[in-house]
Amino acid sequence: MTESILVVEDEEKIARLLQIELECEGYRVFIAGSGHQALEIYQAQQPDLLLLDVMLPRFSGIELLRRIRVNDALTPVLMLTAKSSVEDKVSGLDLGANDYITKPFQIEELLARVRAALRLASTRNIEETGSWLKADDLELNETTREVVRAGRTIDLTPREFDLLVFLLKNKRQVLNREQIVTAVWGYDYYGDTNVVDVYIRYVRKKLTQGDQSELIHTVRGIGYVLKDSP
């Protein structure tokens, strides 16, 4: 799929030059001349990378970056600026800019930095995707410890989280209480295996809201199984 880039630059000649060069490299390019317009395009198009000028009308590139980073920590942002002071660079980097390019710049260097930023973002996305465990509309990320069902964030205790990870990793497999205790509580746990029933009940309650279907099922006389809804 063609990668897309949002160029946020109020100087029309520079914006047009960047558009031509980037399109020649095979990118799909959007142009915005102000922070307000850029925010609208960003929300509508979800570009793969932003080239963001610091000095913009209405609100600055630094302010635009701050607003984007509230909900998006991954999309690479390269700042373009005529300023080269340490203070300006520190402000942008502290807010989540991936790199800084000072005007005037060599187009070859800019294109190389764009390619590098997109490669790094692609690698991170692959790692992020690979760490998600899924069942039906339930998603769990082992790296970030996020648990989401149908868009709803679910807060789990560390033990509840470990239990759900084990069930997801063994999806569709019937697991007895001893297996679950060993995996979640450890080999040296000497308590009653009924603790599994208690924690299964906790997790079920947190996963199920309204008319959502059960994902964790009881297999009488054996234990439990997590599987997708029919």
Protein backbone atom coordinates (compact mmCIF):
# COMPACT_ATOMS: atom_id res chain seq x y z
CA MET A 1 0.00 0.00 0.00
CA THR A 2 1.27 3.50 -0.87
CA GLU A 3 2.54 5.38 2.16
CA SER A 4 1.06 8.81 2.74
CA ILE A 5 2.73 11.98 4.00
CA LEU A 6 1.14 15.17 5.30
CA VAL A 7 3.26 18.24 4.53
CA VAL A 8 2.38 21.12 6.84
CA GLU A 9 4.04 24.22 5.39
CA ASP A 10 2.66 27.73 4.90
CA GLU A 11 5.26 28.73 2.29
CA GLU A 12 3.62 27.61 -0.95
CA LYS A 13 6.84 27.25 -2.96
CA ILE A 14 8.43 24.98 -0.35
CA ALA A 15 5.21 22.98 0.04
CA ARG A 16 4.96 22.50 -3.73
CA LEU A 17 8.63 21.47 -4.00
CA LEU A 18 8.18 18.89 -1.25
CA GLN A 19 5.00 17.57 -2.86
CA ILE A 20 6.71 17.09 -6.23
CA GLU A 21 9.78 15.38 -4.75
CA LEU A 22 7.78 13.10 -2.46
CA GLU A 23 5.32 12.11 -5.19
CA CYS A 24 8.27 11.28 -7.46
CA GLU A 25 9.40 8.90 -4.69
CA GLY A 26 6.00 7.19 -4.82
CA TYR A 27 4.36 8.70 -1.74
CA ARG A 28 0.80 10.01 -1.57
CA VAL A 29 1.02 13.61 -0.39
CA PHE A 30 -1.41 15.92 1.42
CA ILE A 31 -0.67 19.64 1.82
CA ALA A 32 -1.79 21.92 4.66
CA GLY A 33 -0.92 25.58 5.04
CA SER A 34 -2.00 26.06 8.65
CA GLY A 35 -2.16 24.12 11.89
CA HIS A 36 -5.96 24.09 11.84
CA GLN A 37 -6.10 22.70 8.28
CA ALA A 38 -3.39 20.17 9.09
CA LEU A 39 -5.31 18.86 12.09
CA GLU A 40 -8.42 18.33 9.94
CA ILE A 41 -6.44 16.46 7.25
CA TYR A 42 -4.57 14.41 9.84
CA GLN A 43 -7.82 13.29 11.49
CA ALA A 44 -9.47 12.47 8.16
CA GLN A 45 -6.55 10.79 6.37
CA GLN A 46 -4.36 9.31 9.15
CA PRO A 47 -1.08 9.81 7.23
CA ASP A 48 1.92 7.57 7.77
CA LEU A 49 4.27 10.52 8.43
CA LEU A 50 4.12 14.29 8.96
CA LEU A 51 6.58 16.90 7.71
CA LEU A 52 5.74 19.74 10.04
CA ASP A 53 6.92 23.35 9.84
CA VAL A 54 7.38 25.01 13.23
CA MET A 55 6.20 28.50 12.19
CA LEU A 56 2.55 28.26 11.15
CA PRO A 57 -0.42 30.66 11.18
CA ARG A 58 -3.18 30.30 13.83
CA PHE A 59 -1.20 27.87 15.98
CA SER A 60 2.38 26.69 15.72
CA GLY A 61 3.77 23.38 14.60
CA ILE A 62 4.80 22.73 18.19
CA GLU A 63 1.18 23.13 19.31
CA LEU A 64 -0.03 20.89 16.48
CA LEU A 65 2.50 18.25 17.52
CA ARG A 66 1.30 18.48 21.13
CA ARG A 67 -2.32 17.90 20.06
CA ILE A 68 -1.41 14.94 17.86
CA ARG A 69 0.69 13.26 20.53
CA VAL A 70 -2.20 13.27 23.01
CA ASN A 71 -3.66 10.20 21.27
CA ASP A 72 -0.98 9.17 18.76
CA ALA A 73 2.50 8.32 19.97
CA LEU A 74 3.56 6.32 16.92
CA THR A 75 3.11 8.35 13.70
CA PRO A 76 6.55 9.77 12.85
CA VAL A 77 6.82 13.56 12.78
CA LEU A 78 9.77 15.37 11.21
CA MET A 79 9.95 19.06 12.13
CA LEU A 80 10.96 21.62 9.49
CA THR A 81 12.22 24.94 10.79
CA ALA A 82 14.24 27.97 9.86
CA LYS A 83 15.28 28.14 13.49
CA SER A 84 18.25 26.14 14.64
CA SER A 85 18.32 27.07 18.33
CA VAL A 86 18.71 24.30 20.86
CA GLU A 87 15.60 25.50 22.71
CA ASP A 88 13.33 25.00 19.68
CA LYS A 89 14.68 21.54 19.01
CA VAL A 90 14.36 20.48 22.63
CA SER A 91 10.73 21.67 22.76
CA GLY A 92 9.79 19.61 19.72
CA LEU A 93 11.71 16.52 20.76
CA ASP A 94 10.26 16.64 24.26
CA LEU A 95 6.76 16.67 22.73
CA GLY A 96 7.51 13.62 20.58
CA ALA A 97 9.08 14.83 17.34
CA ASN A 98 11.17 12.08 15.73
CA ASP A 99 13.67 14.34 13.98
CA TYR A 100 14.47 17.95 13.09
CA ILE A 101 15.48 19.34 9.68
CA THR A 102 16.68 22.94 9.52
CA LYS A 103 15.95 25.10 6.48
CA PRO A 104 17.51 25.41 3.99
CA PHE A 105 17.86 21.65 3.57
CA GLN A 106 19.13 19.31 0.88
CA ILE A 107 16.21 17.39 -0.60
CA GLU A 108 18.26 14.18 -0.72
CA GLU A 109 18.88 14.37 3.02
CA LEU A 110 15.21 15.05 3.73
CA LEU A 111 14.12 12.07 1.61
CA ALA A 112 16.64 9.84 3.37
CA ARG A 113 15.30 10.89 6.78
CA VAL A 114 11.73 10.28 5.61
CA ARG A 115 12.66 6.77 4.49
CA ALA A 116 14.45 6.06 7.78
CA ALA A 117 11.52 7.30 9.88
CA LEU A 118 9.02 5.23 7.91
CA ARG A 119 11.20 2.10 8.19
CA LEU A 120 11.46 2.53 11.96
CA ALA A 121 7.71 3.12 12.28
CA SER A 122 7.01 0.02 10.21
CA THR A 123 9.26 -2.10 12.44
CA ARG A 124 7.54 -0.77 15.57
CA ASN A 125 4.11 -1.46 14.11
CA ILE A 126 5.09 -5.05 13.31
CA GLU A 127 6.35 -5.53 16.88
CA GLU A 128 3.21 -3.93 18.29
CA THR A 129 0.93 -6.06 16.15
CA GLY A 130 2.85 -9.19 16.99
CA SER A 131 2.36 -8.68 20.72
CA TRP A 132 -1.45 -8.63 20.52
CA LEU A 133 -3.40 -11.71 21.57
CA LYS A 134 -6.96 -11.86 20.27
CA ALA A 135 -10.21 -13.76 20.70
CA ASP A 136 -13.41 -12.56 19.11
CA ASP A 137 -13.60 -8.80 19.91
CA LEU A 138 -11.13 -9.10 22.81
CA GLU A 139 -7.54 -7.85 22.37
CA LEU A 140 -4.65 -8.00 24.81
CA ASN A 141 -1.19 -6.51 24.35
CA GLU A 142 1.52 -8.19 26.42
CA THR A 143 3.98 -5.34 25.88
CA THR A 144 1.77 -2.41 26.87
CA ARG A 145 -0.53 -4.52 29.10
CA GLU A 146 -3.59 -3.10 27.37
CA VAL A 147 -6.81 -5.10 27.39
CA VAL A 148 -9.63 -3.95 25.12
CA ARG A 149 -12.97 -5.49 24.22
CA ALA A 150 -15.13 -3.92 21.50
CA GLY A 151 -13.30 -0.62 22.01
CA ARG A 152 -13.74 -0.67 25.81
CA THR A 153 -10.57 -0.59 27.91
CA ILE A 154 -10.56 -3.17 30.70
CA ASP A 155 -8.50 -2.74 33.87
CA LEU A 156 -7.10 -5.99 35.29
CA THR A 157 -4.96 -6.69 38.31
CA PRO A 158 -1.55 -8.25 37.56
CA ARG A 159 -2.82 -11.74 38.49
CA GLU A 160 -5.98 -11.34 36.41
CA PHE A 161 -3.86 -10.17 33.48
CA ASP A 162 -1.53 -13.18 33.73
CA LEU A 163 -4.52 -15.50 33.89
CA LEU A 164 -6.07 -13.99 30.77
CA VAL A 165 -2.73 -14.17 28.91
CA PHE A 166 -2.47 -17.90 29.68
CA LEU A 167 -6.03 -18.55 28.53
CA LEU A 168 -5.51 -16.57 25.32
CA LYS A 169 -2.24 -18.31 24.52
CA ASN A 170 -4.05 -21.62 24.89
CA LYS A 171 -7.24 -20.56 23.14
CA ARG A 172 -9.66 -23.43 22.40
CA GLN A 173 -7.70 -25.76 24.72
CA VAL A 174 -9.43 -27.13 27.80
CA LEU A 175 -7.21 -26.37 30.79
CA ASN A 176 -7.54 -27.97 34.20
CA ARG A 177 -7.07 -26.06 37.43
CA GLU A 178 -3.64 -27.56 38.12
CA GLN A 179 -2.34 -26.37 34.74
CA ILE A 180 -3.66 -22.88 35.35
CA VAL A 181 -2.29 -22.68 38.90
CA THR A 182 1.17 -23.81 37.77
CA ALA A 183 1.27 -21.33 34.86
CA VAL A 184 -0.19 -18.31 36.67
CA TRP A 185 0.69 -18.79 40.36
CA GLY A 186 3.87 -20.82 39.90
CA TYR A 187 5.17 -24.28 40.84
CA ASP A 188 5.69 -23.30 44.44
CA TYR A 189 2.06 -22.37 45.06
CA TYR A 190 0.63 -24.59 47.82
CA GLY A 191 -2.80 -23.06 48.21
CA ASP A 192 -6.18 -24.41 47.13
CA THR A 193 -6.78 -24.69 43.37
CA ASN A 194 -10.20 -23.13 44.00
CA VAL A 195 -8.36 -19.82 43.69
CA VAL A 196 -8.65 -20.41 39.93
CA ASP A 197 -12.44 -20.37 40.14
CA VAL A 198 -12.37 -17.11 42.06
CA TYR A 199 -10.12 -15.36 39.55
CA ILE A 200 -11.99 -16.78 36.56
CA ARG A 201 -15.11 -15.20 38.03
CA TYR A 202 -13.33 -11.85 38.44
CA VAL A 203 -12.05 -11.85 34.85
CA ARG A 204 -15.37 -12.97 33.38
CA LYS A 205 -17.16 -10.13 35.13
CA LYS A 206 -14.72 -7.56 33.76
CA LEU A 207 -14.79 -8.96 30.22
CA THR A 208 -18.57 -9.18 29.94
CA GLN A 209 -20.69 -6.06 29.81
CA GLY A 210 -24.32 -5.79 28.76
CA ASP A 211 -25.19 -8.44 26.19
CA GLN A 212 -21.59 -9.34 25.33
CA SER A 213 -21.06 -13.07 24.95
CA GLU A 214 -18.99 -15.18 27.33
CA LEU A 215 -15.50 -16.01 26.10
CA ILE A 216 -14.37 -18.13 29.08
CA HIS A 217 -16.38 -21.34 29.37
CA THR A 218 -16.55 -23.90 32.17
CA VAL A 219 -15.93 -27.53 31.22
CA ARG A 220 -17.54 -29.47 34.05
CA GLY A 221 -15.25 -31.85 35.88
CA ILE A 222 -12.16 -30.55 34.08
CA GLY A 223 -11.59 -26.80 34.07
CA TYR A 224 -11.92 -23.93 31.65
CA VAL A 225 -11.53 -22.99 27.99
CA LEU A 226 -11.38 -19.62 26.26
CA LYS A 227 -12.75 -19.55 22.73
CA ASP A 228 -14.33 -17.22 20.19
CA SER A 229 -18.08 -16.71 20.25
CA PRO A 230 -20.04 -19.10 18.00
